[in-house]
Amino acid sequence: MRNKHFSMLLLFLFLLQISIGQELSINGVVSSSTEQMPLPGASIILKGTTIGTTSDFDGKFQINASLNATLVISYIGYGTKEIQIKSNAPLSISLEEGELLDEVVITALGIKREKKALGYAVQAVKADELLEGNQTNMVNGLQGKVSGVTVVNSGGAPGSSAVILIRGGTSITGNNQPLFVVDGIPIDNSTSSSLEVASINRASDINPEDIETVSVLKGPAAAALYGIQAAGGAVIITTKKGKAGVSTVTYTGSITSNQVIGTPDIQTTYGQGAQISTADGITYDPESPFSFGETLNSASPVYKNIEDFYKNAITKNHNVSYSSGSEKSNVYFSIGDLSQDGIIKNTSYDKTSFKINTNTEIKKNFTVGVSANYVTTDVASNKQGNVSGSSFTSLLAYPANVNTQDYLNSDGSQKTYFTDQQFDNPYWSIDNSPNTDKVKRLFGVISLNYNFLNDFNITYRLGTDTYSDYNKKITGDGSLIENREDGYISQYEKDFTSLTSNFFLNYTKNITDDFSIDAMIGNSVEETDTRTTYTSGINFQAPGIYSIGNIVKEDQTISEIISRKRIVGFFGELKFGYKNALFLNATGRNDWSSTLPENKRSFFYPSVGMSAVVTDLFKAYNSDITSSKGLTYLKLRATWAQVGKDAPIGALESSLGKDINGLASSAYTWNGVNVGNPDLEPEFTNSFEIGTDMRFFENRVGLDFTYYTSTSDNQILRDIRVPPTTGTFYATLNGGSITNKGVEAMLRLQLMPKTSAVQWNLDFNFGKNDSKVNDLPGFLNEVYLSDSWTYRNSAAGAAILDGSLFGLRGKRPLKNDEGEVIINANGLPTLTDETYDDVNRIPEWTLGISNTLNYKNLGLSFLFDIVQGVDVYNATESALVYYGVSKNTLDRNETIVLPGVDVDGNTNTVAVTKDQNYYQNYYSLNSENFIEDGSFARLRYVTLSYKFPKEILNKLSISGLELYATGRNLLTITDYSGVDPEVNTFGAGISGAGSVSIDNLGTPNVKGFDLGLKFRF
């Protein structure tokens, strides 16, 4: 009998073991407890794992789970609930309206934190918000959606870069872009600094369809743990993961039609010719590229050379993804293909991306994850800006009575329209002078996560970012450009590799019912290796073969640059919590950088912050200050932080150049360029911010407000122009101070209650920033980068002492001590390079207004972006004036007396004629004539969508189907006289003071219409 009972007991234990390990398919519905409305997008996670799923439009979900496993269900604005699985019976889960206390955001190093415990501002943008404008560059998807963030694209050329500035800039000559982090690992977001073509920023390699959320860490307070790379803030990107439950295949596709947002207004009164002043008056030389000729008669043909150069362009975008998962593992895989034609013939941007993200629980509490992206991009572009062969510059040189499209002789050679023409026809350049850029890139991370002893966690990540870039620019044989008649080639091959190792040890413990502690220590090793080979040459031996191998060695120039950098960091974080409502947080990090002198290589920086959920503190002491008709939630926060920044690679050493002057030595000699400084010290930025987060009327009104100030001292200034008396042309110096201060506000309105058939939400993102240069070293009163010089060197972006970091210097009339313009005997002043202390090329304030309106299956969203108080330098208009095609030259040959005084201080009375000399050698060079208010209000996009009802989906055997139409850049309100006030011709490749708001003969921005389809099964 005992044996029988014992056998039955063994059988029972065996069956129990089987039942415990059995995986069940759990179905359920998540809804609100008050209105019993379904909650789409609710998060359902298996406790203690990364396995999870989200509810669909009807609040339904499915997940595989073992018996007695625990589900954690959460939704923004609602309290979190935990449910233990007892059977596979359907679950009906009601969530209580919460106070956003359980909202989790991704912070530095990919660490998840409750938003209520943070002492600094973090703003998250979800995937659907990022995709609403249908932008191909994910950086542009952030426009107007994050307070305190300025995003400016660099024109309508396919694949053009976008600049993103968070709370202004912290460096005068260095990088002011934020750090980009994907799945916990930093990636490269550099932009090739090219003054010839529109260059791409590498963050655009990320497929927006693969993004789950984006967290923007605003400045040192939020990004202190990242150290050196995050002085300008950080953009933390979390990619999509597989969802547990039924396997899902999703397709999204769109087709887009783009056209230029506009072209300059051109005068058609005067035709080809140059003015010649004689004793008998003005005569005209027809052999000229200028439009200072005689008045066109009614029989003269008139051509719209600039307007007709641009065409409508089509973009096709396809993405397919697969998602699946179980309790133990999940997988996400996607393929994306983007094919974008340019608004200029033979220009394009093609990108193909592959993404895989998988997580597996190897054994209890031990999870391994792999995330990898492989991307190929192929860009074909045209030359722009100041360079020889620039399409825009060439177009200006064709007067209205000359047909640009008539450019070939009968033998196929390039036709000239005046004697000694030394520039190429833009249509000829399109066909014969290609510019290409091809990139193959792999970035990803392997992560290990282990929980032990209940309160401890170890996380290790090993990530890599590696790409090869092959860039080629050609001037074809048959060119009219001097010294390039037989062709020219310039190319580079760049191999970039970055390896990052991160280790964290985390400890989380509720010490008592009231006190909690979170502690973390970690180590980071980051190493980059870049090898670039530059090759150029002239005179192709065989026509039409555009290869460096088709040029004799004597006509070739080859150079190679190898750069390496290593940063080792140790860091820690300590957070104390009291009653889950009062939090104190401190961090510290010490870095060792290989780019600094050995005795100054190590530097430490800390941060300390606090946050208090005032409403919860009152509740903890049995006093509730909240009300359904008033205050729902109140949080106060403050943080002080310091972050360091090291030197650029190679800034310590000076290098020699080879003097190839036949009359001098052929040895390596000092040439006053590439000057280093072996005594450099690190920069430091000190930042302080305070803020509040408030909710009213049961979370239907929310306000998040922040005031911040930061000072960046001991700037590392690279390639600073100094007087020749110093024995060099350039110098690398420590010195200078920048202050940024401002306010940010985010207002969220839920205009209709959740019980309403109509759901209408409005978000207002406001940012105001003031960047000021407090100090510069020694004798300097400005710092500028020559790469930002505009057409004919009339102006350049500059950091101005006691002025803006994003200021301007340019050619201005010479003035006396009283500020009066000195007029010479010829009636014109002398122009000299001087600074502007009242020009600011970034906005005084911005406001993005996002709207989301839903009625049943219909959705309407739009973004209205307001940018105010920004100065734009219109160098394009300066060039239009120089060539005589500007409408501002229609008053030619009239006389004018310029205000000012002569050398003796007497009021000027000398009249000058507005002839070609006046416009070309004075008016077009005087930068004061082309500084304009670039404030604008723009309707970024409007999207109308329709989700098909469940009845139709069932007939089609699919789980989701949506159609949408989007219009982009449909309306712009501005006083700017140029084509578009949102401009940055030189792109993100110009560092420091950069070229934001400099309009210099770039490709105009575009507006367009998209039709899209999304379905899943």
Foldseek 3Di string as FASTA:
>chain_A
DVVVVVVVVVVVVVVVVCLQPDKEKAKEFEAAPPLRQGDFFKWKAFPLDRATDTAHPRRMDIFIDGQQTKIWIDDAQWDIDIDGHHDRPYYYHHTYGADRQQDWDQFALRDIDRPQWAQADKDKDFLCQLPVLVDLASQVSCPQVFFQKDKFFFFQFPQAAIAIFHLHAQFFFFFLGAFEAENRHTEAQFWAQDQWWGTHTPSSLDGSVFFGMKMWFHACQRHVVVFFRGRRTYIYTYTDWFHGDDKKKKKKKWKWKWWFLDAAAWDQQFWAWAWDQDPVGIATDNQFLFRQHDTDDPPFAFAPLVRVQFAIWMKIKMKMKMHYDHNFKIKIKMWIWIWTDGRGPPWIKIKIKIWMWMKGNPDRQKIKIKIKMKMKMKTKTATWFADARHQLLLSLSHTRRGHLVPFADPVGAGDDDHPLDAGGRNVVCSVFKIKMKIKIKMKIKMKMWGDPPPFKIKIKIKIKIKMKMKIKTKDFARHSHPQANQIKIKIKIKIKMKIKIKIKMWGWDQPDLFKIKIKMKMKMKMKMKMKMKIKMFGHFCDGPDPDPVRGDPVGMDIDMDIFMKMKIKIKMKMWMGGNSFKIKIKMKMWMAIPQAAPVQRIDMWMKIKIKGWVQSVCVVVVHGPADLAWWDTKMKMKMKIKHKHGDPTLQADAAWDADPPPVDDRDTHHDQPRAHHNHAHIKMKIKIKIWMWTATNSRQKIKIKMKMKMKIFQHFDFQFADDCVVVHGGYTGTGWMKMKIWMWMKIKHFPDDPSDLKTKIKIKIKIFMAIATAIGPDPDQKGFDPSQQFHVSQKGFIHGHRAHLRFMKGWAFDADPVRFGAAEPQLHGGTDIDTDRPAAAAFRMKMKMWMWMDHVFKIKIWIKIWGFDHKAFALVVLSSQLSPTHPVLPQFQDKDRDFGAHPVRHTTDNIDGRRNCCRNVPVSSHSVNGIDTLTKMWTAKMKMKGKDDPVVCVVVVFDTKMKMKMKGRPDMDGPHSGSHQSHQNSRSNRRRSHRGNYHHGHHGHMIMMMIMMMTMD
